[in-house]
Every structure is written in C-alpha cells, then in structure tokens.
C-alpha cells in the first residue's frame, strides 16, 4: 500500500493545474524531462493510487503523486 496523503510533501504550484512530468521535475523527484518521461512510461508513477503513463496528465489541487518511495501532494492556489 502506498503512502497516505498526510505523509506527502506539499508541492505548491502557481496555476490551477500542472502536468505530471512537470510536477516530478518541480519536486526534484527526477533530474529532467527525459527521466520523467521514462519513469512515467514505465508505469513507475501513481496519481491517487493509480498508475499513470501519460506525462501530460493534468494534476489538480489535492492530487497525490508517488514515485520511488516519495509522495507529494499538489497544492494549487
């Protein structure tokens, strides 16, 4: 079972949404866009407990992203 949202690190964003690949980079969970693409396409990233394989998937306030034992929660304005 994954981490609960209460264990997640907050990731404040400027806009209402952010793409999954951008969120991974912003949170420093990946080094660059190429790494983000690879780990997402390989099914290594979950959003709200479900595997997401689209780097451009839109994330919203409260979404929980998990990768490599790390968990972040999106905080939109």
PDB file of N, CA and C in Angstrom:
ATOM      1  N   UNK A   1       0.852  -1.194   0.000  1.00  0.00           N
ATOM      2  CA  UNK A   1       0.000   0.000   0.000  1.00  0.00           C
ATOM      3  C   UNK A   1       0.886   1.242   0.000  1.00  0.00           C
ATOM      4  N   UNK A   2       0.451   2.257  -0.693  1.00  0.00           N
ATOM      5  CA  UNK A   2       1.243   3.475  -0.808  1.00  0.00           C
ATOM      6  C   UNK A   2       1.130   4.358   0.416  1.00  0.00           C
ATOM      7  N   UNK A   3       1.820   5.451   0.372  1.00  0.00           N
ATOM      8  CA  UNK A   3       1.772   6.406   1.467  1.00  0.00           C
ATOM      9  C   UNK A   3       0.445   7.151   1.453  1.00  0.00           C
ATOM     10  N   UNK A   4       0.018   7.573   2.619  1.00  0.00           N
ATOM     11  CA  UNK A   4      -1.213   8.357   2.696  1.00  0.00           C
ATOM     12  C   UNK A   4      -0.881   9.827   2.429  1.00  0.00           C
ATOM     13  N   UNK A   5      -1.899  10.579   2.052  1.00  0.00           N
ATOM     14  CA  UNK A   5      -1.692  11.990   1.718  1.00  0.00           C
ATOM     15  C   UNK A   5      -1.055  12.749   2.885  1.00  0.00           C
ATOM     16  N   UNK A   6      -1.351  12.333   4.111  1.00  0.00           N
ATOM     17  CA  UNK A   6      -0.800  13.038   5.267  1.00  0.00           C
ATOM     18  C   UNK A   6       0.722  12.913   5.341  1.00  0.00           C
ATOM     19  N   UNK A   7       1.281  11.878   4.704  1.00  0.00           N
ATOM     20  CA  UNK A   7       2.728  11.688   4.685  1.00  0.00           C
ATOM     21  C   UNK A   7       3.382  12.393   3.501  1.00  0.00           C
ATOM     22  N   UNK A   8       2.574  12.923   2.601  1.00  0.00           N
ATOM     23  CA  UNK A   8       3.083  13.509   1.365  1.00  0.00           C
ATOM     24  C   UNK A   8       3.658  14.897   1.620  1.00  0.00           C
ATOM     25  N   UNK A   9       4.691  15.230   0.857  1.00  0.00           N
ATOM     26  CA  UNK A   9       5.265  16.570   0.909  1.00  0.00           C
ATOM     27  C   UNK A   9       4.415  17.489   0.039  1.00  0.00           C
ATOM     28  N   UNK A  10       4.037  18.664   0.532  1.00  0.00           N
ATOM     29  CA  UNK A  10       3.251  19.582  -0.302  1.00  0.00           C
ATOM     30  C   UNK A  10       4.079  20.128  -1.464  1.00  0.00           C
ATOM     31  N   UNK A  11       3.437  20.265  -2.622  1.00  0.00           N
ATOM     32  CA  UNK A  11       4.084  20.848  -3.795  1.00  0.00           C
ATOM     33  C   UNK A  11       3.217  22.010  -4.275  1.00  0.00           C
ATOM     34  N   UNK A  12       3.508  23.230  -3.780  1.00  0.00           N
ATOM     35  CA  UNK A  12       2.721  24.387  -4.224  1.00  0.00           C
ATOM     36  C   UNK A  12       2.979  24.678  -5.700  1.00  0.00           C
ATOM     37  N   UNK A  13       1.916  24.976  -6.437  1.00  0.00           N
ATOM     38  CA  UNK A  13       2.050  25.329  -7.851  1.00  0.00           C
ATOM     39  C   UNK A  13       1.401  26.688  -8.089  1.00  0.00           C
ATOM     40  N   UNK A  14       1.817  27.358  -9.178  1.00  0.00           N
ATOM     41  CA  UNK A  14       1.325  28.703  -9.495  1.00  0.00           C
ATOM     42  C   UNK A  14      -0.081  28.697 -10.058  1.00  0.00           C
ATOM     43  N   UNK A  15      -0.357  27.680 -10.892  1.00  0.00           N
ATOM     44  CA  UNK A  15      -1.610  27.656 -11.633  1.00  0.00           C
ATOM     45  C   UNK A  15      -2.569  26.633 -11.031  1.00  0.00           C
ATOM     46  N   UNK A  16      -3.741  26.498 -11.659  1.00  0.00           N
ATOM     47  CA  UNK A  16      -4.739  25.549 -11.160  1.00  0.00           C
ATOM     48  C   UNK A  16      -4.325  24.108 -11.415  1.00  0.00           C
ATOM     49  N   UNK A  17      -3.539  23.879 -12.490  1.00  0.00           N
ATOM     50  CA  UNK A  17      -3.118  22.524 -12.841  1.00  0.00           C
ATOM     51  C   UNK A  17      -1.631  22.518 -13.183  1.00  0.00           C
ATOM     52  N   UNK A  18      -1.064  21.323 -13.181  1.00  0.00           N
ATOM     53  CA  UNK A  18       0.317  21.124 -13.613  1.00  0.00           C
ATOM     54  C   UNK A  18       0.377  19.746 -14.267  1.00  0.00           C
ATOM     55  N   UNK A  19       1.222  19.611 -15.288  1.00  0.00           N
ATOM     56  CA  UNK A  19       1.358  18.305 -15.926  1.00  0.00           C
ATOM     57  C   UNK A  19       2.220  17.391 -15.052  1.00  0.00           C
ATOM     58  N   UNK A  20       1.951  16.098 -15.156  1.00  0.00           N
ATOM     59  CA  UNK A  20       2.628  15.112 -14.318  1.00  0.00           C
ATOM     60  C   UNK A  20       4.147  15.203 -14.441  1.00  0.00           C
ATOM     61  N   UNK A  21       4.660  15.272 -15.662  1.00  0.00           N
ATOM     62  CA  UNK A  21       6.106  15.359 -15.855  1.00  0.00           C
ATOM     63  C   UNK A  21       6.697  16.598 -15.208  1.00  0.00           C
ATOM     64  N   UNK A  22       5.977  17.726 -15.316  1.00  0.00           N
ATOM     65  CA  UNK A  22       6.454  18.972 -14.708  1.00  0.00           C
ATOM     66  C   UNK A  22       6.470  18.861 -13.185  1.00  0.00           C
ATOM     67  N   UNK A  23       5.454  18.212 -12.632  1.00  0.00           N
ATOM     68  CA  UNK A  23       5.381  18.068 -11.174  1.00  0.00           C
ATOM     69  C   UNK A  23       6.561  17.253 -10.653  1.00  0.00           C
ATOM     70  N   UNK A  24       6.909  16.182 -11.358  1.00  0.00           N
ATOM     71  CA  UNK A  24       8.049  15.363 -10.928  1.00  0.00           C
ATOM     72  C   UNK A  24       9.338  16.175 -10.938  1.00  0.00           C
ATOM     73  N   UNK A  25       9.506  17.016 -11.964  1.00  0.00           N
ATOM     74  CA  UNK A  25      10.711  17.853 -12.044  1.00  0.00           C
ATOM     75  C   UNK A  25      10.696  18.919 -10.953  1.00  0.00           C
ATOM     76  N   UNK A  26       9.551  19.580 -10.766  1.00  0.00           N
ATOM     77  CA  UNK A  26       9.442  20.646  -9.775  1.00  0.00           C
ATOM     78  C   UNK A  26       9.743  20.123  -8.368  1.00  0.00           C
ATOM     79  N   UNK A  27       9.314  18.909  -8.097  1.00  0.00           N
ATOM     80  CA  UNK A  27       9.531  18.308  -6.776  1.00  0.00           C
ATOM     81  C   UNK A  27      10.921  17.684  -6.651  1.00  0.00           C
ATOM     82  N   UNK A  28      11.726  17.789  -7.708  1.00  0.00           N
ATOM     83  CA  UNK A  28      13.077  17.206  -7.742  1.00  0.00           C
ATOM     84  C   UNK A  28      13.064  15.692  -7.542  1.00  0.00           C
ATOM     85  N   UNK A  29      11.989  15.038  -7.990  1.00  0.00           N
ATOM     86  CA  UNK A  29      11.928  13.575  -7.924  1.00  0.00           C
ATOM     87  C   UNK A  29      12.644  12.954  -9.117  1.00  0.00           C
ATOM     88  N   UNK A  30      12.791  13.734 -10.199  1.00  0.00           N
ATOM     89  CA  UNK A  30      13.550  13.299 -11.374  1.00  0.00           C
ATOM     90  C   UNK A  30      14.499  14.424 -11.759  1.00  0.00           C
ATOM     91  N   UNK A  31      15.538  14.079 -12.522  1.00  0.00           N
ATOM     92  CA  UNK A  31      16.546  15.072 -12.894  1.00  0.00           C
ATOM     93  C   UNK A  31      16.112  15.957 -14.044  1.00  0.00           C
ATOM     94  N   UNK A  32      15.359  15.379 -15.003  1.00  0.00           N
ATOM     95  CA  UNK A  32      14.992  16.153 -16.186  1.00  0.00           C
ATOM     96  C   UNK A  32      13.761  15.546 -16.855  1.00  0.00           C
ATOM     97  N   UNK A  33      13.336  16.185 -17.937  1.00  0.00           N
ATOM     98  CA  UNK A  33      12.147  15.740 -18.650  1.00  0.00           C
ATOM     99  C   UNK A  33      12.272  14.350 -19.234  1.00  0.00           C
ATOM    100  N   UNK A  34      13.476  14.000 -19.686  1.00  0.00           N
ATOM    101  CA  UNK A  34      13.684  12.666 -20.261  1.00  0.00           C
ATOM    102  C   UNK A  34      13.491  11.590 -19.196  1.00  0.00           C
ATOM    103  N   UNK A  35      14.019  11.841 -18.010  1.00  0.00           N
ATOM    104  CA  UNK A  35      13.842  10.876 -16.922  1.00  0.00           C
ATOM    105  C   UNK A  35      12.371  10.797 -16.525  1.00  0.00           C
ATOM    106  N   UNK A  36      11.696  11.945 -16.478  1.00  0.00           N
ATOM    107  CA  UNK A  36      10.264  11.958 -16.155  1.00  0.00           C
ATOM    108  C   UNK A  36       9.502  11.104 -17.159  1.00  0.00           C
ATOM    109  N   UNK A  37       9.777  11.304 -18.438  1.00  0.00           N
ATOM    110  CA  UNK A  37       9.101  10.540 -19.493  1.00  0.00           C
ATOM    111  C   UNK A  37       9.314   9.043 -19.286  1.00  0.00           C
ATOM    112  N   UNK A  38      10.561   8.661 -19.034  1.00  0.00           N
ATOM    113  CA  UNK A  38      10.884   7.242 -18.902  1.00  0.00           C
ATOM    114  C   UNK A  38      10.178   6.595 -17.714  1.00  0.00           C
ATOM    115  N   UNK A  39      10.248   7.219 -16.536  1.00  0.00           N
ATOM    116  CA  UNK A  39       9.648   6.584 -15.358  1.00  0.00           C
ATOM    117  C   UNK A  39       8.127   6.558 -15.456  1.00  0.00           C
ATOM    118  N   UNK A  40       7.538   7.579 -16.093  1.00  0.00           N
ATOM    119  CA  UNK A  40       6.081   7.601 -16.279  1.00  0.00           C
ATOM    120  C   UNK A  40       5.666   6.517 -17.268  1.00  0.00           C
ATOM    121  N   UNK A  41       6.352   6.440 -18.409  1.00  0.00           N
ATOM    122  CA  UNK A  41       6.013   5.433 -19.417  1.00  0.00           C
ATOM    123  C   UNK A  41       6.225   4.019 -18.901  1.00  0.00           C
ATOM    124  N   UNK A  42       7.173   3.848 -17.987  1.00  0.00           N
ATOM    125  CA  UNK A  42       7.450   2.521 -17.432  1.00  0.00           C
ATOM    126  C   UNK A  42       6.472   2.133 -16.320  1.00  0.00           C
ATOM    127  N   UNK A  43       5.491   3.001 -16.037  1.00  0.00           N
ATOM    128  CA  UNK A  43       4.475   2.677 -15.037  1.00  0.00           C
ATOM    129  C   UNK A  43       4.956   2.766 -13.603  1.00  0.00           C
ATOM    130  N   UNK A  44       5.978   3.587 -13.373  1.00  0.00           N
ATOM    131  CA  UNK A  44       6.566   3.692 -12.036  1.00  0.00           C
ATOM    132  C   UNK A  44       5.965   4.819 -11.194  1.00  0.00           C
ATOM    133  N   UNK A  45       4.997   5.566 -11.757  1.00  0.00           N
ATOM    134  CA  UNK A  45       4.419   6.720 -11.073  1.00  0.00           C
ATOM    135  C   UNK A  45       2.923   6.490 -10.881  1.00  0.00           C
ATOM    136  N   UNK A  46       2.437   6.773  -9.669  1.00  0.00           N
ATOM    137  CA  UNK A  46       0.997   6.701  -9.444  1.00  0.00           C
ATOM    138  C   UNK A  46       0.461   8.079  -9.082  1.00  0.00           C
ATOM    139  N   UNK A  47      -0.790   8.303  -9.449  1.00  0.00           N
ATOM    140  CA  UNK A  47      -1.521   9.507  -9.063  1.00  0.00           C
ATOM    141  C   UNK A  47      -2.782   9.023  -8.360  1.00  0.00           C
ATOM    142  N   UNK A  48      -2.932   9.424  -7.107  1.00  0.00           N
ATOM    143  CA  UNK A  48      -4.083   8.999  -6.307  1.00  0.00           C
ATOM    144  C   UNK A  48      -4.216   7.477  -6.302  1.00  0.00           C
ATOM    145  N   UNK A  49      -3.066   6.789  -6.263  1.00  0.00           N
ATOM    146  CA  UNK A  49      -3.057   5.340  -6.156  1.00  0.00           C
ATOM    147  C   UNK A  49      -3.177   4.575  -7.459  1.00  0.00           C
ATOM    148  N   UNK A  50      -3.334   5.284  -8.587  1.00  0.00           N
ATOM    149  CA  UNK A  50      -3.469   4.619  -9.880  1.00  0.00           C
ATOM    150  C   UNK A  50      -2.262   4.930 -10.761  1.00  0.00           C
ATOM    151  N   UNK A  51      -1.733   3.899 -11.421  1.00  0.00           N
ATOM    152  CA  UNK A  51      -0.599   4.097 -12.326  1.00  0.00           C
ATOM    153  C   UNK A  51      -1.027   5.019 -13.462  1.00  0.00           C
ATOM    154  N   UNK A  52      -0.200   6.028 -13.737  1.00  0.00           N
ATOM    155  CA  UNK A  52      -0.453   6.944 -14.856  1.00  0.00           C
ATOM    156  C   UNK A  52       0.734   6.860 -15.798  1.00  0.00           C
ATOM    157  N   UNK A  53       0.453   6.712 -17.093  1.00  0.00           N
ATOM    158  CA  UNK A  53       1.531   6.580 -18.074  1.00  0.00           C
ATOM    159  C   UNK A  53       1.555   7.737 -19.059  1.00  0.00           C
ATOM    160  N   UNK A  54       0.770   8.794 -18.805  1.00  0.00           N
ATOM    161  CA  UNK A  54       0.765   9.972 -19.668  1.00  0.00           C
ATOM    162  C   UNK A  54       1.521  11.102 -18.967  1.00  0.00           C
ATOM    163  N   UNK A  55       2.649  11.492 -19.559  1.00  0.00           N
ATOM    164  CA  UNK A  55       3.455  12.567 -18.969  1.00  0.00           C
ATOM    165  C   UNK A  55       2.674  13.871 -18.907  1.00  0.00           C
ATOM    166  N   UNK A  56       1.755  14.080 -19.864  1.00  0.00           N
ATOM    167  CA  UNK A  56       0.984  15.319 -19.910  1.00  0.00           C
ATOM    168  C   UNK A  56      -0.294  15.298 -19.100  1.00  0.00           C
ATOM    169  N   UNK A  57      -0.511  14.238 -18.313  1.00  0.00           N
ATOM    170  CA  UNK A  57      -1.726  14.155 -17.492  1.00  0.00           C
ATOM    171  C   UNK A  57      -1.797  15.377 -16.581  1.00  0.00           C
ATOM    172  N   UNK A  58      -2.964  16.000 -16.521  1.00  0.00           N
ATOM    173  CA  UNK A  58      -3.148  17.194 -15.704  1.00  0.00           C
ATOM    174  C   UNK A  58      -3.402  16.821 -14.249  1.00  0.00           C
ATOM    175  N   UNK A  59      -2.663  17.439 -13.351  1.00  0.00           N
ATOM    176  CA  UNK A  59      -2.847  17.237 -11.919  1.00  0.00           C
ATOM    177  C   UNK A  59      -3.527  18.462 -11.339  1.00  0.00           C
ATOM    178  N   UNK A  60      -4.338  18.231 -10.325  1.00  0.00           N
ATOM    179  CA  UNK A  60      -5.104  19.303  -9.696  1.00  0.00           C
ATOM    180  C   UNK A  60      -4.836  19.327  -8.194  1.00  0.00           C
ATOM    181  N   UNK A  61      -5.347  20.358  -7.535  1.00  0.00           N
ATOM    182  CA  UNK A  61      -5.201  20.527  -6.099  1.00  0.00           C
ATOM    183  C   UNK A  61      -5.625  19.253  -5.367  1.00  0.00           C
ATOM    184  N   UNK A  62      -4.768  18.775  -4.492  1.00  0.00           N
ATOM    185  CA  UNK A  62      -5.090  17.603  -3.687  1.00  0.00           C
ATOM    186  C   UNK A  62      -4.640  16.279  -4.273  1.00  0.00           C
ATOM    187  N   UNK A  63      -4.221  16.267  -5.548  1.00  0.00           N
ATOM    188  CA  UNK A  63      -3.750  15.020  -6.152  1.00  0.00           C
ATOM    189  C   UNK A  63      -2.456  14.575  -5.467  1.00  0.00           C
ATOM    190  N   UNK A  64      -2.346  13.275  -5.215  1.00  0.00           N
ATOM    191  CA  UNK A  64      -1.166  12.707  -4.565  1.00  0.00           C
ATOM    192  C   UNK A  64      -0.378  11.907  -5.594  1.00  0.00           C
ATOM    193  N   UNK A  65       0.882  12.281  -5.773  1.00  0.00           N
ATOM    194  CA  UNK A  65       1.772  11.620  -6.727  1.00  0.00           C
ATOM    195  C   UNK A  65       2.801  10.824  -5.936  1.00  0.00           C
ATOM    196  N   UNK A  66       3.005   9.567  -6.330  1.00  0.00           N
ATOM    197  CA  UNK A  66       4.002   8.729  -5.671  1.00  0.00           C
ATOM    198  C   UNK A  66       4.977   8.184  -6.696  1.00  0.00           C
ATOM    199  N   UNK A  67       6.271   8.237  -6.340  1.00  0.00           N
ATOM    200  CA  UNK A  67       7.325   7.692  -7.189  1.00  0.00           C
ATOM    201  C   UNK A  67       8.534   7.362  -6.326  1.00  0.00           C
ATOM    202  N   UNK A  68       9.052   6.166  -6.482  1.00  0.00           N
ATOM    203  CA  UNK A  68      10.311   5.782  -5.848  1.00  0.00           C
ATOM    204  C   UNK A  68      10.296   6.000  -4.331  1.00  0.00           C
ATOM    205  N   UNK A  69       9.177   5.693  -3.695  1.00  0.00           N
ATOM    206  CA  UNK A  69       9.078   5.827  -2.243  1.00  0.00           C
ATOM    207  C   UNK A  69       8.792   7.230  -1.751  1.00  0.00           C
ATOM    208  N   UNK A  70       8.724   8.187  -2.670  1.00  0.00           N
ATOM    209  CA  UNK A  70       8.426   9.572  -2.304  1.00  0.00           C
ATOM    210  C   UNK A  70       6.980   9.880  -2.660  1.00  0.00           C
ATOM    211  N   UNK A  71       6.369  10.758  -1.891  1.00  0.00           N
ATOM    212  CA  UNK A  71       4.980  11.123  -2.123  1.00  0.00           C
ATOM    213  C   UNK A  71       4.838  12.640  -2.020  1.00  0.00           C
ATOM    214  N   UNK A  72       4.140  13.220  -2.995  1.00  0.00           N
ATOM    215  CA  UNK A  72       3.885  14.666  -2.970  1.00  0.00           C
ATOM    216  C   UNK A  72       2.391  14.896  -3.164  1.00  0.00           C
ATOM    217  N   UNK A  73       1.904  15.993  -2.624  1.00  0.00           N
ATOM    218  CA  UNK A  73       0.504  16.372  -2.826  1.00  0.00           C
ATOM    219  C   UNK A  73       0.486  17.754  -3.470  1.00  0.00           C
ATOM    220  N   UNK A  74      -0.283  17.869  -4.545  1.00  0.00           N
ATOM    221  CA  UNK A  74      -0.365  19.125  -5.291  1.00  0.00           C
ATOM    222  C   UNK A  74      -1.164  20.142  -4.487  1.00  0.00           C
ATOM    223  N   UNK A  75      -0.628  21.353  -4.372  1.00  0.00           N
ATOM    224  CA  UNK A  75      -1.325  22.454  -3.703  1.00  0.00           C
ATOM    225  C   UNK A  75      -1.460  23.602  -4.683  1.00  0.00           C
ATOM    226  N   UNK A  76      -2.650  23.707  -5.282  1.00  0.00           N
ATOM    227  CA  UNK A  76      -2.924  24.783  -6.233  1.00  0.00           C
ATOM    228  C   UNK A  76      -3.478  25.986  -5.478  1.00  0.00           C
ATOM    229  N   UNK A  77      -3.359  27.181  -6.078  1.00  0.00           N
ATOM    230  CA  UNK A  77      -3.879  28.385  -5.410  1.00  0.00           C
ATOM    231  C   UNK A  77      -5.393  28.349  -5.283  1.00  0.00           C
TER     232      UNK A  77
END
